[in-house]
Amino acid sequence: MIPQGAFYGCRLLTFIDAPGLYAIGNEAFAYNGAMTTITLSTSGLTSIGERAWLGSGLQSLTIPTTVNSVGFGALKYCNSLT
């Protein structure tokens, strides 16, 4: 699990590859403008917290079918997301 606010406002983190990840906490990557790519585990990730990527620089994201909960505003203000 990536805990709540773990990388909040981290301006240097550009990529994360987290195999085996089962949960992303609230605001874990909020306001991380440099992050453009994240590779999510396709086996086991079940929840994405509220505002997980709020205001981040994500350009694309594929949410695995194992995810059964996406928190409110998880991708809010991700203006580069296509």
C-alpha atoms as a PDB file:
ATOM      1  CA  MET A   1       0.000   0.000   0.000  1.00  0.00           C
ATOM      2  CA  ILE A   2       1.095   3.520  -0.726  1.00  0.00           C
ATOM      3  CA  PRO A   3      -0.099   5.483   2.321  1.00  0.00           C
ATOM      4  CA  GLN A   4      -2.069   8.706   2.404  1.00  0.00           C
ATOM      5  CA  GLY A   5      -0.037  11.690   1.233  1.00  0.00           C
ATOM      6  CA  ALA A   6       3.130   9.635   0.710  1.00  0.00           C
ATOM      7  CA  PHE A   7       4.290  11.656  -2.311  1.00  0.00           C
ATOM      8  CA  TYR A   8       2.102  14.746  -1.870  1.00  0.00           C
ATOM      9  CA  GLY A   9       3.708  17.681  -3.661  1.00  0.00           C
ATOM     10  CA  CYS A  10       6.787  15.695  -4.669  1.00  0.00           C
ATOM     11  CA  ARG A  11       8.072  17.615  -7.678  1.00  0.00           C
ATOM     12  CA  LEU A  12      10.833  15.232  -8.753  1.00  0.00           C
ATOM     13  CA  LEU A  13       8.959  11.937  -8.955  1.00  0.00           C
ATOM     14  CA  THR A  14       8.246  11.255 -12.624  1.00  0.00           C
ATOM     15  CA  PHE A  15       7.417   7.548 -12.778  1.00  0.00           C
ATOM     16  CA  ILE A  16       6.299   4.762 -10.479  1.00  0.00           C
ATOM     17  CA  ASP A  17       6.238   1.047 -11.139  1.00  0.00           C
ATOM     18  CA  ALA A  18       4.737  -0.760  -8.168  1.00  0.00           C
ATOM     19  CA  PRO A  19       4.115  -4.458  -8.766  1.00  0.00           C
ATOM     20  CA  GLY A  20       2.106  -6.135  -6.041  1.00  0.00           C
ATOM     21  CA  LEU A  21       0.444  -2.906  -4.983  1.00  0.00           C
ATOM     22  CA  TYR A  22      -3.008  -3.457  -3.463  1.00  0.00           C
ATOM     23  CA  ALA A  23      -4.081   0.077  -2.456  1.00  0.00           C
ATOM     24  CA  ILE A  24      -3.275   3.718  -3.100  1.00  0.00           C
ATOM     25  CA  GLY A  25      -4.111   6.031  -0.229  1.00  0.00           C
ATOM     26  CA  ASN A  26      -5.855   9.406  -0.303  1.00  0.00           C
ATOM     27  CA  GLU A  27      -3.755  12.147  -1.933  1.00  0.00           C
ATOM     28  CA  ALA A  28      -0.828   9.726  -2.330  1.00  0.00           C
ATOM     29  CA  PHE A  29       0.417  11.548  -5.458  1.00  0.00           C
ATOM     30  CA  ALA A  30      -1.504  14.835  -5.190  1.00  0.00           C
ATOM     31  CA  TYR A  31       0.126  17.889  -6.761  1.00  0.00           C
ATOM     32  CA  ASN A  32       2.931  15.854  -8.255  1.00  0.00           C
ATOM     33  CA  GLY A  33       3.214  17.806 -11.504  1.00  0.00           C
ATOM     34  CA  ALA A  34       6.240  15.898 -12.809  1.00  0.00           C
ATOM     35  CA  MET A  35       4.564  12.492 -12.714  1.00  0.00           C
ATOM     36  CA  THR A  36       3.431  11.619 -16.208  1.00  0.00           C
ATOM     37  CA  THR A  37       3.311   7.818 -16.063  1.00  0.00           C
ATOM     38  CA  ILE A  38       2.320   5.199 -13.527  1.00  0.00           C
ATOM     39  CA  THR A  39       2.201   1.463 -14.071  1.00  0.00           C
ATOM     40  CA  LEU A  40      -0.389  -0.133 -11.820  1.00  0.00           C
ATOM     41  CA  SER A  41      -0.385  -3.746 -10.713  1.00  0.00           C
ATOM     42  CA  THR A  42      -2.784  -5.810 -12.775  1.00  0.00           C
ATOM     43  CA  SER A  43      -3.150  -8.425 -10.063  1.00  0.00           C
ATOM     44  CA  GLY A  44      -4.220  -7.266  -6.672  1.00  0.00           C
ATOM     45  CA  LEU A  45      -4.827  -3.510  -6.823  1.00  0.00           C
ATOM     46  CA  THR A  46      -8.311  -3.081  -5.406  1.00  0.00           C
ATOM     47  CA  SER A  47      -8.651   0.524  -4.280  1.00  0.00           C
ATOM     48  CA  ILE A  48      -7.577   4.013  -5.266  1.00  0.00           C
ATOM     49  CA  GLY A  49      -8.064   6.675  -2.624  1.00  0.00           C
ATOM     50  CA  GLU A  50      -9.733  10.062  -2.803  1.00  0.00           C
ATOM     51  CA  ARG A  51      -7.773  12.715  -4.681  1.00  0.00           C
ATOM     52  CA  ALA A  52      -4.992  10.149  -5.307  1.00  0.00           C
ATOM     53  CA  TRP A  53      -3.578  12.118  -8.272  1.00  0.00           C
ATOM     54  CA  LEU A  54      -5.205  15.492  -7.647  1.00  0.00           C
ATOM     55  CA  GLY A  55      -3.470  18.089  -9.813  1.00  0.00           C
ATOM     56  CA  SER A  56      -0.777  15.698 -11.026  1.00  0.00           C
ATOM     57  CA  GLY A  57       0.838  15.706 -14.460  1.00  0.00           C
ATOM     58  CA  LEU A  58      -0.481  12.299 -15.523  1.00  0.00           C
ATOM     59  CA  GLN A  59      -0.831  11.975 -19.279  1.00  0.00           C
ATOM     60  CA  SER A  60      -2.353   8.499 -19.393  1.00  0.00           C
ATOM     61  CA  LEU A  61      -3.586   5.888 -16.974  1.00  0.00           C
ATOM     62  CA  THR A  62      -5.078   2.435 -17.311  1.00  0.00           C
ATOM     63  CA  ILE A  63      -7.018   1.271 -14.290  1.00  0.00           C
ATOM     64  CA  PRO A  64      -6.885  -2.525 -13.915  1.00  0.00           C
ATOM     65  CA  THR A  65     -10.099  -4.541 -13.773  1.00  0.00           C
ATOM     66  CA  THR A  66      -9.218  -5.656 -10.226  1.00  0.00           C
ATOM     67  CA  VAL A  67      -9.967  -2.140  -8.911  1.00  0.00           C
ATOM     68  CA  ASN A  68     -13.395  -2.051  -7.277  1.00  0.00           C
ATOM     69  CA  SER A  69     -13.160   1.347  -5.582  1.00  0.00           C
ATOM     70  CA  VAL A  70     -11.990   4.717  -6.920  1.00  0.00           C
ATOM     71  CA  GLY A  71     -12.236   7.581  -4.467  1.00  0.00           C
ATOM     72  CA  PHE A  72     -13.912  10.917  -5.103  1.00  0.00           C
ATOM     73  CA  GLY A  73     -11.785  13.285  -7.183  1.00  0.00           C
ATOM     74  CA  ALA A  74      -9.048  10.698  -7.758  1.00  0.00           C
ATOM     75  CA  LEU A  75      -8.090  12.359 -11.057  1.00  0.00           C
ATOM     76  CA  LYS A  76      -9.392  15.872 -10.458  1.00  0.00           C
ATOM     77  CA  TYR A  77      -7.384  18.641 -12.132  1.00  0.00           C
ATOM     78  CA  CYS A  78      -5.278  16.176 -14.122  1.00  0.00           C
ATOM     79  CA  ASN A  79      -5.378  18.491 -17.118  1.00  0.00           C
ATOM     80  CA  SER A  80      -2.853  16.522 -19.200  1.00  0.00           C
ATOM     81  CA  LEU A  81      -4.766  13.253 -18.928  1.00  0.00           C
ATOM     82  CA  THR A  82      -6.043  11.914 -22.255  1.00  0.00           C
END
